[in-house]
Amino acid sequence: FDEIRAGIASLQANGGRNPFDMRFDRILSATEALLEGRPCLLFGTNNY
């Protein structure tokens, strides 16, 4: 998994977020959530 770890480290070093460390404040619907107080769309759910 070293290559994956390096990719995540590079992402973070360039201002990106670790996708494994994101926590939603609240799920609003089948396709929407709050992330750090901002609404966002959920594209990866199994709630098709």
All heavy atoms as atom14 arrays in JSON, in Angstrom:
{
  "sequence": "FDEIRAGIASLQANGGRNPFDMRFDRILSATEALLEGRPCLLFGTNNY",
  "atom14_mask": [
    [1, 1, 1, 1, 1, 1, 1, 1, 1, 1, 1, 0, 0, 0],
    [1, 1, 1, 1, 1, 1, 1, 1, 0, 0, 0, 0, 0, 0],
    [1, 1, 1, 1, 1, 1, 1, 1, 1, 0, 0, 0, 0, 0],
    [1, 1, 1, 1, 1, 1, 1, 1, 0, 0, 0, 0, 0, 0],
    [1, 1, 1, 1, 1, 1, 1, 1, 1, 1, 1, 0, 0, 0],
    [1, 1, 1, 1, 1, 0, 0, 0, 0, 0, 0, 0, 0, 0],
    [1, 1, 1, 1, 0, 0, 0, 0, 0, 0, 0, 0, 0, 0],
    [1, 1, 1, 1, 1, 1, 1, 1, 0, 0, 0, 0, 0, 0],
    [1, 1, 1, 1, 1, 0, 0, 0, 0, 0, 0, 0, 0, 0],
    [1, 1, 1, 1, 1, 1, 0, 0, 0, 0, 0, 0, 0, 0],
    [1, 1, 1, 1, 1, 1, 1, 1, 0, 0, 0, 0, 0, 0],
    [1, 1, 1, 1, 1, 1, 1, 1, 1, 0, 0, 0, 0, 0],
    [1, 1, 1, 1, 1, 0, 0, 0, 0, 0, 0, 0, 0, 0],
    [1, 1, 1, 1, 1, 1, 1, 1, 0, 0, 0, 0, 0, 0],
    [1, 1, 1, 1, 0, 0, 0, 0, 0, 0, 0, 0, 0, 0],
    [1, 1, 1, 1, 0, 0, 0, 0, 0, 0, 0, 0, 0, 0],
    [1, 1, 1, 1, 1, 1, 1, 1, 1, 1, 1, 0, 0, 0],
    [1, 1, 1, 1, 1, 1, 1, 1, 0, 0, 0, 0, 0, 0],
    [1, 1, 1, 1, 1, 1, 1, 0, 0, 0, 0, 0, 0, 0],
    [1, 1, 1, 1, 1, 1, 1, 1, 1, 1, 1, 0, 0, 0],
    [1, 1, 1, 1, 1, 1, 1, 1, 0, 0, 0, 0, 0, 0],
    [1, 1, 1, 1, 1, 1, 1, 1, 0, 0, 0, 0, 0, 0],
    [1, 1, 1, 1, 1, 1, 1, 1, 1, 1, 1, 0, 0, 0],
    [1, 1, 1, 1, 1, 1, 1, 1, 1, 1, 1, 0, 0, 0],
    [1, 1, 1, 1, 1, 1, 1, 1, 0, 0, 0, 0, 0, 0],
    [1, 1, 1, 1, 1, 1, 1, 1, 1, 1, 1, 0, 0, 0],
    [1, 1, 1, 1, 1, 1, 1, 1, 0, 0, 0, 0, 0, 0],
    [1, 1, 1, 1, 1, 1, 1, 1, 0, 0, 0, 0, 0, 0],
    [1, 1, 1, 1, 1, 1, 0, 0, 0, 0, 0, 0, 0, 0],
    [1, 1, 1, 1, 1, 0, 0, 0, 0, 0, 0, 0, 0, 0],
    [1, 1, 1, 1, 1, 1, 1, 0, 0, 0, 0, 0, 0, 0],
    [1, 1, 1, 1, 1, 1, 1, 1, 1, 0, 0, 0, 0, 0],
    [1, 1, 1, 1, 1, 0, 0, 0, 0, 0, 0, 0, 0, 0],
    [1, 1, 1, 1, 1, 1, 1, 1, 0, 0, 0, 0, 0, 0],
    [1, 1, 1, 1, 1, 1, 1, 1, 0, 0, 0, 0, 0, 0],
    [1, 1, 1, 1, 1, 1, 1, 1, 1, 0, 0, 0, 0, 0],
    [1, 1, 1, 1, 0, 0, 0, 0, 0, 0, 0, 0, 0, 0],
    [1, 1, 1, 1, 1, 1, 1, 1, 1, 1, 1, 0, 0, 0],
    [1, 1, 1, 1, 1, 1, 1, 0, 0, 0, 0, 0, 0, 0],
    [1, 1, 1, 1, 1, 1, 0, 0, 0, 0, 0, 0, 0, 0],
    [1, 1, 1, 1, 1, 1, 1, 1, 0, 0, 0, 0, 0, 0],
    [1, 1, 1, 1, 1, 1, 1, 1, 0, 0, 0, 0, 0, 0],
    [1, 1, 1, 1, 1, 1, 1, 1, 1, 1, 1, 0, 0, 0],
    [1, 1, 1, 1, 0, 0, 0, 0, 0, 0, 0, 0, 0, 0],
    [1, 1, 1, 1, 1, 1, 1, 0, 0, 0, 0, 0, 0, 0],
    [1, 1, 1, 1, 1, 1, 1, 1, 0, 0, 0, 0, 0, 0],
    [1, 1, 1, 1, 1, 1, 1, 1, 0, 0, 0, 0, 0, 0],
    [1, 1, 1, 1, 1, 1, 1, 1, 1, 1, 1, 1, 0, 0]
  ],
  "atom14_positions": [
    [[0.81, -1.22, 0.0], [0.0, 0.0, 0.0], [0.84, 1.27, 0.0], [0.29, 2.37, 0.08], [-0.95, 0.02, 1.22], [-1.89, -1.15, 1.23], [-1.76, -2.14, 2.2], [-2.9, -1.27, 0.3], [-2.63, -3.22, 2.22], [-3.78, -2.34, 0.31], [-3.63, -3.32, 1.27], [0.0, 0.0, 0.0], [0.0, 0.0, 0.0], [0.0, 0.0, 0.0]],
    [[2.14, 1.14, -0.08], [3.04, 2.31, -0.05], [2.71, 3.31, -1.16], [2.73, 4.52, -0.94], [4.5, 1.88, -0.15], [5.01, 1.23, 1.13], [4.31, 1.33, 2.16], [6.09, 0.61, 1.08], [0.0, 0.0, 0.0], [0.0, 0.0, 0.0], [0.0, 0.0, 0.0], [0.0, 0.0, 0.0], [0.0, 0.0, 0.0], [0.0, 0.0, 0.0]],
    [[2.39, 2.83, -2.35], [2.08, 3.71, -3.47], [0.8, 4.51, -3.19], [0.71, 5.7, -3.5], [1.93, 2.9, -4.75], [1.9, 3.74, -6.0], [1.88, 2.88, -7.25], [2.56, 1.83, -7.28], [1.2, 3.28, -8.22], [0.0, 0.0, 0.0], [0.0, 0.0, 0.0], [0.0, 0.0, 0.0], [0.0, 0.0, 0.0], [0.0, 0.0, 0.0]],
    [[-0.18, 3.85, -2.6], [-1.43, 4.54, -2.24], [-1.16, 5.6, -1.18], [-1.64, 6.73, -1.26], [-2.49, 3.54, -1.78], [-2.88, 2.61, -2.93], [-3.73, 4.25, -1.22], [-3.76, 1.44, -2.54], [0.0, 0.0, 0.0], [0.0, 0.0, 0.0], [0.0, 0.0, 0.0], [0.0, 0.0, 0.0], [0.0, 0.0, 0.0], [0.0, 0.0, 0.0]],
    [[-0.39, 5.22, -0.16], [-0.03, 6.19, 0.9], [0.69, 7.39, 0.32], [0.44, 8.53, 0.7], [0.83, 5.51, 1.96], [0.07, 4.68, 2.92], [0.95, 4.33, 4.13], [0.41, 3.17, 4.79], [0.83, 1.92, 4.63], [1.86, 1.66, 3.86], [0.25, 0.93, 5.26], [0.0, 0.0, 0.0], [0.0, 0.0, 0.0], [0.0, 0.0, 0.0]],
    [[1.61, 7.15, -0.6], [2.36, 8.24, -1.23], [1.42, 9.14, -2.02], [1.56, 10.37, -2.0], [3.46, 7.68, -2.13], [0.0, 0.0, 0.0], [0.0, 0.0, 0.0], [0.0, 0.0, 0.0], [0.0, 0.0, 0.0], [0.0, 0.0, 0.0], [0.0, 0.0, 0.0], [0.0, 0.0, 0.0], [0.0, 0.0, 0.0], [0.0, 0.0, 0.0]],
    [[0.47, 8.57, -2.71], [-0.5, 9.36, -3.47], [-1.34, 10.25, -2.56], [-1.59, 11.42, -2.88], [0.0, 0.0, 0.0], [0.0, 0.0, 0.0], [0.0, 0.0, 0.0], [0.0, 0.0, 0.0], [0.0, 0.0, 0.0], [0.0, 0.0, 0.0], [0.0, 0.0, 0.0], [0.0, 0.0, 0.0], [0.0, 0.0, 0.0], [0.0, 0.0, 0.0]],
    [[-1.78, 9.71, -1.43], [-2.57, 10.5, -0.47], [-1.71, 11.61, 0.13], [-2.16, 12.75, 0.25], [-3.17, 9.6, 0.63], [-4.23, 8.68, 0.02], [-3.76, 10.42, 1.76], [-4.73, 7.6, 0.95], [0.0, 0.0, 0.0], [0.0, 0.0, 0.0], [0.0, 0.0, 0.0], [0.0, 0.0, 0.0], [0.0, 0.0, 0.0], [0.0, 0.0, 0.0]],
    [[-0.47, 11.29, 0.45], [0.44, 12.31, 1.0], [0.67, 13.43, -0.02], [0.67, 14.61, 0.34], [1.76, 11.66, 1.4], [0.0, 0.0, 0.0], [0.0, 0.0, 0.0], [0.0, 0.0, 0.0], [0.0, 0.0, 0.0], [0.0, 0.0, 0.0], [0.0, 0.0, 0.0], [0.0, 0.0, 0.0], [0.0, 0.0, 0.0], [0.0, 0.0, 0.0]],
    [[0.83, 13.07, -1.27], [1.02, 14.07, -2.33], [-0.23, 14.94, -2.48], [-0.14, 16.15, -2.64], [1.34, 13.37, -3.65], [1.39, 14.3, -4.7], [0.0, 0.0, 0.0], [0.0, 0.0, 0.0], [0.0, 0.0, 0.0], [0.0, 0.0, 0.0], [0.0, 0.0, 0.0], [0.0, 0.0, 0.0], [0.0, 0.0, 0.0], [0.0, 0.0, 0.0]],
    [[-1.37, 14.3, -2.44], [-2.64, 15.03, -2.52], [-2.73, 16.06, -1.4], [-3.04, 17.23, -1.64], [-3.81, 14.04, -2.44], [-5.21, 14.61, -2.49], [-5.51, 15.15, -3.88], [-6.22, 13.52, -2.13], [0.0, 0.0, 0.0], [0.0, 0.0, 0.0], [0.0, 0.0, 0.0], [0.0, 0.0, 0.0], [0.0, 0.0, 0.0], [0.0, 0.0, 0.0]],
    [[-2.42, 15.64, -0.18], [-2.49, 16.56, 0.97], [-1.44, 17.65, 0.89], [-1.7, 18.8, 1.23], [-2.35, 15.77, 2.26], [-3.56, 14.9, 2.55], [-3.37, 14.05, 3.78], [-2.5, 13.19, 3.83], [-4.2, 14.29, 4.79], [0.0, 0.0, 0.0], [0.0, 0.0, 0.0], [0.0, 0.0, 0.0], [0.0, 0.0, 0.0], [0.0, 0.0, 0.0]],
    [[-0.25, 17.31, 0.42], [0.83, 18.3, 0.31], [0.47, 19.4, -0.69], [0.97, 20.52, -0.59], [2.13, 17.61, -0.12], [0.0, 0.0, 0.0], [0.0, 0.0, 0.0], [0.0, 0.0, 0.0], [0.0, 0.0, 0.0], [0.0, 0.0, 0.0], [0.0, 0.0, 0.0], [0.0, 0.0, 0.0], [0.0, 0.0, 0.0], [0.0, 0.0, 0.0]],
    [[-0.4, 19.08, -1.62], [-0.82, 20.06, -2.64], [-2.17, 20.68, -2.33], [-2.84, 21.19, -3.23], [-0.81, 19.39, -4.02], [0.58, 19.09, -4.49], [1.38, 19.99, -4.67], [0.89, 17.81, -4.66], [0.0, 0.0, 0.0], [0.0, 0.0, 0.0], [0.0, 0.0, 0.0], [0.0, 0.0, 0.0], [0.0, 0.0, 0.0], [0.0, 0.0, 0.0]],
    [[-2.57, 20.63, -1.07], [-3.8, 21.29, -0.65], [-5.06, 20.45, -0.75], [-6.15, 20.94, -0.46], [0.0, 0.0, 0.0], [0.0, 0.0, 0.0], [0.0, 0.0, 0.0], [0.0, 0.0, 0.0], [0.0, 0.0, 0.0], [0.0, 0.0, 0.0], [0.0, 0.0, 0.0], [0.0, 0.0, 0.0], [0.0, 0.0, 0.0], [0.0, 0.0, 0.0]],
    [[-4.94, 19.21, -1.16], [-6.11, 18.33, -1.26], [-6.47, 17.69, 0.07], [-5.75, 17.83, 1.06], [0.0, 0.0, 0.0], [0.0, 0.0, 0.0], [0.0, 0.0, 0.0], [0.0, 0.0, 0.0], [0.0, 0.0, 0.0], [0.0, 0.0, 0.0], [0.0, 0.0, 0.0], [0.0, 0.0, 0.0], [0.0, 0.0, 0.0], [0.0, 0.0, 0.0]],
    [[-7.58, 17.02, 0.09], [-8.06, 16.36, 1.31], [-7.85, 14.85, 1.21], [-7.98, 14.27, 0.14], [-9.56, 16.6, 1.49], [-9.99, 18.05, 1.5], [-10.2, 18.63, 2.89], [-10.87, 17.79, 3.82], [-12.11, 17.95, 4.25], [-12.84, 18.93, 3.79], [-12.61, 17.16, 5.17], [0.0, 0.0, 0.0], [0.0, 0.0, 0.0], [0.0, 0.0, 0.0]],
    [[-7.57, 14.24, 2.33], [-7.49, 12.79, 2.41], [-8.91, 12.25, 2.29], [-9.75, 12.49, 3.15], [-6.87, 12.37, 3.74], [-6.76, 10.87, 3.89], [-7.42, 10.1, 3.2], [-5.91, 10.45, 4.8], [0.0, 0.0, 0.0], [0.0, 0.0, 0.0], [0.0, 0.0, 0.0], [0.0, 0.0, 0.0], [0.0, 0.0, 0.0], [0.0, 0.0, 0.0]],
    [[-9.23, 11.52, 1.22], [-10.61, 11.06, 1.03], [-11.06, 10.06, 2.09], [-12.25, 9.87, 2.29], [-10.58, 10.4, -0.36], [-9.15, 10.08, -0.61], [-8.35, 11.1, 0.14], [0.0, 0.0, 0.0], [0.0, 0.0, 0.0], [0.0, 0.0, 0.0], [0.0, 0.0, 0.0], [0.0, 0.0, 0.0], [0.0, 0.0, 0.0], [0.0, 0.0, 0.0]],
    [[-10.12, 9.45, 2.8], [-10.47, 8.49, 3.85], [-10.69, 9.16, 5.2], [-10.99, 8.49, 6.19], [-9.37, 7.43, 3.97], [-9.18, 6.66, 2.69], [-8.07, 6.89, 1.9], [-10.12, 5.73, 2.27], [-7.9, 6.21, 0.71], [-9.96, 5.04, 1.09], [-8.84, 5.28, 0.31], [0.0, 0.0, 0.0], [0.0, 0.0, 0.0], [0.0, 0.0, 0.0]],
    [[-10.53, 10.47, 5.25], [-10.64, 11.18, 6.52], [-11.74, 12.24, 6.47], [-11.73, 13.19, 7.24], [-9.29, 11.84, 6.86], [-9.23, 12.26, 8.32], [-9.89, 11.63, 9.15], [-8.51, 13.24, 8.61], [0.0, 0.0, 0.0], [0.0, 0.0, 0.0], [0.0, 0.0, 0.0], [0.0, 0.0, 0.0], [0.0, 0.0, 0.0], [0.0, 0.0, 0.0]],
    [[-12.68, 12.09, 5.55], [-13.77, 13.07, 5.45], [-14.95, 12.58, 6.28], [-15.31, 11.41, 6.24], [-14.17, 13.25, 3.99], [-13.03, 13.81, 3.16], [-13.46, 14.14, 1.46], [-14.55, 15.5, 1.65], [0.0, 0.0, 0.0], [0.0, 0.0, 0.0], [0.0, 0.0, 0.0], [0.0, 0.0, 0.0], [0.0, 0.0, 0.0], [0.0, 0.0, 0.0]],
    [[-15.54, 13.48, 7.04], [-16.68, 13.15, 7.89], [-17.82, 14.11, 7.59], [-17.66, 15.33, 7.72], [-16.32, 13.28, 9.38], [-15.12, 12.47, 9.83], [-15.43, 10.98, 9.85], [-14.33, 10.21, 10.39], [-13.37, 9.65, 9.65], [-13.36, 9.82, 8.36], [-12.42, 8.94, 10.21], [0.0, 0.0, 0.0], [0.0, 0.0, 0.0], [0.0, 0.0, 0.0]],
    [[-18.95, 13.56, 7.18], [-20.11, 14.39, 6.91], [-20.76, 14.83, 8.21], [-20.84, 14.05, 9.16], [-21.14, 13.63, 6.06], [-20.66, 13.35, 4.67], [-20.29, 12.07, 4.3], [-20.56, 14.37, 3.74], [-19.84, 11.81, 3.02], [-20.11, 14.12, 2.46], [-19.75, 12.83, 2.11], [0.0, 0.0, 0.0], [0.0, 0.0, 0.0], [0.0, 0.0, 0.0]],
    [[-21.21, 16.06, 8.25], [-21.93, 16.57, 9.42], [-23.29, 15.88, 9.51], [-23.74, 15.51, 10.58], [-22.18, 18.08, 9.32], [-20.89, 18.87, 9.14], [-19.84, 18.42, 9.61], [-20.96, 19.94, 8.5], [0.0, 0.0, 0.0], [0.0, 0.0, 0.0], [0.0, 0.0, 0.0], [0.0, 0.0, 0.0], [0.0, 0.0, 0.0], [0.0, 0.0, 0.0]],
    [[-23.91, 15.73, 8.34], [-25.27, 15.19, 8.31], [-25.61, 14.76, 6.89], [-25.22, 15.41, 5.93], [-26.24, 16.28, 8.77], [-27.66, 15.83, 8.92], [-28.49, 16.89, 9.63], [-29.86, 16.46, 9.58], [-30.86, 17.21, 9.18], [-30.66, 18.46, 8.84], [-32.07, 16.74, 9.15], [0.0, 0.0, 0.0], [0.0, 0.0, 0.0], [0.0, 0.0, 0.0]],
    [[-26.34, 13.67, 6.77], [-26.87, 13.24, 5.48], [-28.26, 13.85, 5.35], [-29.12, 13.66, 6.21], [-26.94, 11.71, 5.37], [-25.57, 11.09, 5.65], [-27.47, 11.28, 4.02], [-24.48, 11.51, 4.7], [0.0, 0.0, 0.0], [0.0, 0.0, 0.0], [0.0, 0.0, 0.0], [0.0, 0.0, 0.0], [0.0, 0.0, 0.0], [0.0, 0.0, 0.0]],
    [[-28.5, 14.58, 4.29], [-29.76, 15.3, 4.12], [-30.79, 14.54, 3.29], [-31.99, 14.68, 3.5], [-29.5, 16.66, 3.47], [-28.54, 17.58, 4.21], [-28.22, 18.81, 3.37], [-29.12, 17.97, 5.55], [0.0, 0.0, 0.0], [0.0, 0.0, 0.0], [0.0, 0.0, 0.0], [0.0, 0.0, 0.0], [0.0, 0.0, 0.0], [0.0, 0.0, 0.0]],
    [[-30.31, 13.79, 2.31], [-31.21, 13.06, 1.42], [-30.41, 11.95, 0.77], [-29.25, 11.73, 1.1], [-31.79, 14.0, 0.35], [-30.8, 14.31, -0.61], [0.0, 0.0, 0.0], [0.0, 0.0, 0.0], [0.0, 0.0, 0.0], [0.0, 0.0, 0.0], [0.0, 0.0, 0.0], [0.0, 0.0, 0.0], [0.0, 0.0, 0.0], [0.0, 0.0, 0.0]],
    [[-31.03, 11.29, -0.18], [-30.35, 10.21, -0.9], [-29.13, 10.71, -1.67], [-28.22, 9.94, -1.95], [-31.32, 9.54, -1.85], [0.0, 0.0, 0.0], [0.0, 0.0, 0.0], [0.0, 0.0, 0.0], [0.0, 0.0, 0.0], [0.0, 0.0, 0.0], [0.0, 0.0, 0.0], [0.0, 0.0, 0.0], [0.0, 0.0, 0.0], [0.0, 0.0, 0.0]],
    [[-29.1, 12.0, -1.99], [-28.02, 12.52, -2.83], [-27.32, 13.76, -2.28], [-26.46, 14.32, -2.94], [-28.57, 12.87, -4.22], [-29.64, 13.81, -4.08], [-29.05, 11.64, -4.96], [0.0, 0.0, 0.0], [0.0, 0.0, 0.0], [0.0, 0.0, 0.0], [0.0, 0.0, 0.0], [0.0, 0.0, 0.0], [0.0, 0.0, 0.0], [0.0, 0.0, 0.0]],
    [[-27.68, 14.19, -1.07], [-27.1, 15.42, -0.52], [-26.65, 15.23, 0.93], [-27.26, 14.47, 1.67], [-28.12, 16.55, -0.56], [-28.59, 16.9, -1.96], [-29.73, 17.9, -1.92], [-30.81, 17.54, -1.43], [-29.51, 19.03, -2.38], [0.0, 0.0, 0.0], [0.0, 0.0, 0.0], [0.0, 0.0, 0.0], [0.0, 0.0, 0.0], [0.0, 0.0, 0.0]],
    [[-25.61, 15.96, 1.29], [-25.1, 15.93, 2.66], [-24.53, 17.29, 3.02], [-24.36, 18.16, 2.16], [-24.02, 14.86, 2.8], [0.0, 0.0, 0.0], [0.0, 0.0, 0.0], [0.0, 0.0, 0.0], [0.0, 0.0, 0.0], [0.0, 0.0, 0.0], [0.0, 0.0, 0.0], [0.0, 0.0, 0.0], [0.0, 0.0, 0.0], [0.0, 0.0, 0.0]],
    [[-24.23, 17.46, 4.3], [-23.51, 18.64, 4.77], [-22.1, 18.22, 5.12], [-21.89, 17.25, 5.85], [-24.16, 19.23, 6.02], [-25.43, 20.04, 5.84], [-25.93, 20.55, 7.2], [-25.19, 21.22, 4.91], [0.0, 0.0, 0.0], [0.0, 0.0, 0.0], [0.0, 0.0, 0.0], [0.0, 0.0, 0.0], [0.0, 0.0, 0.0], [0.0, 0.0, 0.0]],
    [[-21.13, 18.95, 4.6], [-19.73, 18.7, 4.88], [-19.13, 20.01, 5.35], [-19.07, 20.98, 4.58], [-19.01, 18.19, 3.62], [-17.53, 17.89, 3.76], [-17.29, 16.77, 4.76], [-16.94, 17.54, 2.4], [0.0, 0.0, 0.0], [0.0, 0.0, 0.0], [0.0, 0.0, 0.0], [0.0, 0.0, 0.0], [0.0, 0.0, 0.0], [0.0, 0.0, 0.0]],
    [[-18.75, 20.06, 6.62], [-18.22, 21.27, 7.23], [-19.18, 22.44, 7.04], [-18.78, 23.55, 6.69], [-16.83, 21.58, 6.69], [-15.83, 20.5, 7.04], [-14.45, 20.74, 6.46], [-14.29, 21.65, 5.6], [-13.54, 20.0, 6.85], [0.0, 0.0, 0.0], [0.0, 0.0, 0.0], [0.0, 0.0, 0.0], [0.0, 0.0, 0.0], [0.0, 0.0, 0.0]],
    [[-20.47, 22.15, 7.22], [-21.49, 23.18, 7.15], [-21.93, 23.56, 5.75], [-22.82, 24.38, 5.58], [0.0, 0.0, 0.0], [0.0, 0.0, 0.0], [0.0, 0.0, 0.0], [0.0, 0.0, 0.0], [0.0, 0.0, 0.0], [0.0, 0.0, 0.0], [0.0, 0.0, 0.0], [0.0, 0.0, 0.0], [0.0, 0.0, 0.0], [0.0, 0.0, 0.0]],
    [[-21.31, 22.97, 4.74], [-21.67, 23.3, 3.35], [-22.4, 22.13, 2.7], [-21.98, 20.97, 2.86], [-20.42, 23.61, 2.54], [-19.68, 24.84, 3.04], [-18.46, 25.15, 2.22], [-17.75, 23.94, 1.87], [-16.78, 23.88, 0.97], [-16.4, 24.95, 0.34], [-16.17, 22.75, 0.72], [0.0, 0.0, 0.0], [0.0, 0.0, 0.0], [0.0, 0.0, 0.0]],
    [[-23.45, 22.42, 1.94], [-24.13, 21.33, 1.23], [-23.26, 20.78, 0.11], [-22.5, 21.52, -0.52], [-25.39, 21.99, 0.67], [-25.13, 23.45, 0.69], [-24.07, 23.72, 1.73], [0.0, 0.0, 0.0], [0.0, 0.0, 0.0], [0.0, 0.0, 0.0], [0.0, 0.0, 0.0], [0.0, 0.0, 0.0], [0.0, 0.0, 0.0], [0.0, 0.0, 0.0]],
    [[-23.33, 19.48, -0.09], [-22.6, 18.86, -1.19], [-23.41, 17.7, -1.74], [-24.31, 17.19, -1.07], [-21.21, 18.42, -0.75], [-21.21, 17.12, 0.48], [0.0, 0.0, 0.0], [0.0, 0.0, 0.0], [0.0, 0.0, 0.0], [0.0, 0.0, 0.0], [0.0, 0.0, 0.0], [0.0, 0.0, 0.0], [0.0, 0.0, 0.0], [0.0, 0.0, 0.0]],
    [[-23.08, 17.29, -2.95], [-23.76, 16.18, -3.59], [-23.01, 14.88, -3.31], [-21.77, 14.87, -3.26], [-23.85, 16.41, -5.1], [-24.69, 17.6, -5.54], [-24.61, 17.77, -7.06], [-26.13, 17.43, -5.11], [0.0, 0.0, 0.0], [0.0, 0.0, 0.0], [0.0, 0.0, 0.0], [0.0, 0.0, 0.0], [0.0, 0.0, 0.0], [0.0, 0.0, 0.0]],
    [[-23.75, 13.8, -3.17], [-23.17, 12.47, -2.96], [-23.27, 11.69, -4.27], [-24.36, 11.37, -4.72], [-23.94, 11.74, -1.85], [-23.99, 12.42, -0.49], [-24.92, 11.67, 0.45], [-22.59, 12.52, 0.1], [0.0, 0.0, 0.0], [0.0, 0.0, 0.0], [0.0, 0.0, 0.0], [0.0, 0.0, 0.0], [0.0, 0.0, 0.0], [0.0, 0.0, 0.0]],
    [[-22.14, 11.39, -4.85], [-22.13, 10.66, -6.11], [-21.74, 9.2, -5.96], [-21.85, 8.43, -6.9], [-21.16, 11.32, -7.11], [-21.62, 12.67, -7.58], [-20.99, 13.82, -7.14], [-22.69, 12.77, -8.45], [-21.42, 15.06, -7.58], [-23.13, 14.01, -8.9], [-22.49, 15.16, -8.46], [0.0, 0.0, 0.0], [0.0, 0.0, 0.0], [0.0, 0.0, 0.0]],
    [[-21.28, 8.8, -4.78], [-20.78, 7.44, -4.62], [-21.63, 6.55, -3.74], [-21.17, 5.51, -3.3], [0.0, 0.0, 0.0], [0.0, 0.0, 0.0], [0.0, 0.0, 0.0], [0.0, 0.0, 0.0], [0.0, 0.0, 0.0], [0.0, 0.0, 0.0], [0.0, 0.0, 0.0], [0.0, 0.0, 0.0], [0.0, 0.0, 0.0], [0.0, 0.0, 0.0]],
    [[-22.87, 6.92, -3.5], [-23.7, 6.11, -2.61], [-24.25, 4.89, -3.35], [-24.31, 4.85, -4.56], [-24.89, 6.9, -2.04], [-25.84, 7.11, -3.08], [-24.46, 8.22, -1.45], [0.0, 0.0, 0.0], [0.0, 0.0, 0.0], [0.0, 0.0, 0.0], [0.0, 0.0, 0.0], [0.0, 0.0, 0.0], [0.0, 0.0, 0.0], [0.0, 0.0, 0.0]],
    [[-24.67, 3.92, -2.58], [-25.38, 2.76, -3.13], [-26.88, 2.98, -3.08], [-27.66, 2.06, -3.28], [-25.03, 1.5, -2.35], [-23.6, 1.07, -2.6], [-23.07, 1.29, -3.67], [-22.98, 0.47, -1.61], [0.0, 0.0, 0.0], [0.0, 0.0, 0.0], [0.0, 0.0, 0.0], [0.0, 0.0, 0.0], [0.0, 0.0, 0.0], [0.0, 0.0, 0.0]],
    [[-27.29, 4.2, -2.82], [-28.7, 4.53, -2.67], [-29.29, 4.95, -4.01], [-29.97, 5.95, -4.12], [-28.83, 5.65, -1.64], [-30.27, 5.88, -1.23], [-31.12, 5.03, -1.39], [-30.55, 7.05, -0.73], [0.0, 0.0, 0.0], [0.0, 0.0, 0.0], [0.0, 0.0, 0.0], [0.0, 0.0, 0.0], [0.0, 0.0, 0.0], [0.0, 0.0, 0.0]],
    [[-29.03, 4.15, -5.04], [-29.43, 4.52, -6.39], [-30.93, 4.52, -6.6], [-31.42, 5.09, -7.55], [-28.73, 3.64, -7.43], [-28.58, 2.21, -7.02], [-29.6, 1.3, -7.21], [-27.41, 1.78, -6.42], [-29.47, -0.01, -6.81], [-27.26, 0.47, -6.03], [-28.29, -0.43, -6.23], [-28.16, -1.73, -5.84], [0.0, 0.0, 0.0], [0.0, 0.0, 0.0]]
  ]
}
